Amino acid sequence: METQLAVSRLSALAQENRLAVFRLLVQAGVQGVAAGEIARSLGVAPNTLSAQLTVLANAGLVRSRRDGRSIIYFADYDGMSELLVF
């Protein structure tokens, strides 16, 4: 892993709400959590959550998949492992 990517991932986690989202997704496992449920669980406004998830996804820490009308988010364990090894 390049230093710049590590810095990007660490920066994404260096904010209270984003860290809370990431921790929730790590705990949820590979099945993930719907965006609406994340917002309700953490008491975050949907538009704020969307911005937080975008930062985490751009850093390679979160991925998503569509399930019907919902978007399910889950931690990118490969990205997390690369950061831990770094």
Protein backbone atom coordinates (compact mmCIF):
# COMPACT_ATOMS: atom_id res chain seq x y z
CA MET A 1 0.00 0.00 0.00
CA GLU A 2 1.24 3.46 -0.87
CA THR A 3 1.56 6.05 1.85
CA GLN A 4 -0.95 8.37 0.14
CA LEU A 5 -3.64 5.66 0.19
CA ALA A 6 -2.95 4.95 3.85
CA VAL A 7 -3.25 8.66 4.64
CA SER A 8 -6.53 8.81 2.71
CA ARG A 9 -7.96 5.88 4.65
CA LEU A 10 -6.79 7.19 8.00
CA SER A 11 -8.20 10.63 7.17
CA ALA A 12 -11.56 9.07 6.35
CA LEU A 13 -11.63 7.48 9.80
CA ALA A 14 -10.46 10.63 11.58
CA GLN A 15 -13.97 12.00 12.05
CA GLU A 16 -16.38 10.89 14.79
CA ASN A 17 -19.42 10.09 12.62
CA ARG A 18 -17.43 8.29 9.92
CA LEU A 19 -15.64 6.22 12.52
CA ALA A 20 -18.99 5.30 14.10
CA VAL A 21 -20.38 4.27 10.69
CA PHE A 22 -17.31 2.17 9.94
CA ARG A 23 -17.43 0.46 13.35
CA LEU A 24 -21.11 -0.34 12.88
CA LEU A 25 -20.42 -1.85 9.46
CA VAL A 26 -17.48 -3.91 10.73
CA GLN A 27 -19.69 -5.28 13.51
CA ALA A 28 -22.49 -6.04 11.03
CA GLY A 29 -20.24 -8.29 8.98
CA VAL A 30 -20.55 -9.24 5.33
CA GLN A 31 -24.35 -9.00 5.25
CA GLY A 32 -24.06 -5.24 5.77
CA VAL A 33 -26.65 -2.69 6.82
CA ALA A 34 -29.16 -0.66 4.83
CA ALA A 35 -28.48 3.07 4.69
CA GLY A 36 -31.71 3.92 6.49
CA GLU A 37 -30.89 1.57 9.34
CA ILE A 38 -27.42 3.09 9.70
CA ALA A 39 -28.98 6.55 9.93
CA ARG A 40 -31.50 5.41 12.56
CA SER A 41 -28.92 3.48 14.60
CA LEU A 42 -26.50 6.38 14.78
CA GLY A 43 -29.01 9.23 14.84
CA VAL A 44 -27.49 10.81 11.74
CA ALA A 45 -29.46 12.75 9.13
CA PRO A 46 -29.71 10.86 5.81
CA ASN A 47 -27.96 13.57 3.80
CA THR A 48 -25.10 13.71 6.32
CA LEU A 49 -24.83 9.93 6.28
CA SER A 50 -24.67 9.92 2.49
CA ALA A 51 -21.70 12.30 2.58
CA GLN A 52 -19.98 10.22 5.26
CA LEU A 53 -20.48 6.98 3.29
CA THR A 54 -19.10 8.62 0.15
CA VAL A 55 -15.90 9.61 1.96
CA LEU A 56 -15.49 6.09 3.35
CA ALA A 57 -16.21 4.49 -0.04
CA ASN A 58 -13.76 6.78 -1.85
CA ALA A 59 -11.11 5.79 0.69
CA GLY A 60 -11.72 2.10 -0.03
CA LEU A 61 -13.11 1.26 3.40
CA VAL A 62 -16.80 0.75 2.54
CA ARG A 63 -18.59 -0.90 -0.35
CA SER A 64 -22.25 -1.13 -1.30
CA ARG A 65 -24.73 -3.25 -3.19
CA ARG A 66 -28.31 -2.69 -4.23
CA ASP A 67 -30.98 -4.92 -2.69
CA GLY A 68 -34.31 -3.99 -4.23
CA ARG A 69 -34.93 -0.37 -3.33
CA SER A 70 -32.31 -0.33 -0.57
CA ILE A 71 -28.59 0.19 -0.74
CA ILE A 72 -26.73 -2.11 1.61
CA TYR A 73 -23.36 -0.90 2.88
CA PHE A 74 -20.65 -3.14 4.29
CA ALA A 75 -17.06 -2.75 5.39
CA ASP A 76 -14.42 -3.48 2.78
CA TYR A 77 -12.39 -5.98 4.78
CA ASP A 78 -9.63 -6.10 2.16
CA GLY A 79 -9.14 -2.36 2.38
CA MET A 80 -9.21 -2.49 6.17
CA SER A 81 -6.68 -5.35 6.25
CA GLU A 82 -4.32 -3.51 3.90
CA LEU A 83 -4.44 -0.49 6.22
CA LEU A 84 -3.77 -2.61 9.29
CA VAL A 85 -0.79 -4.30 7.62
CA PHE A 86 0.58 -0.90 6.57
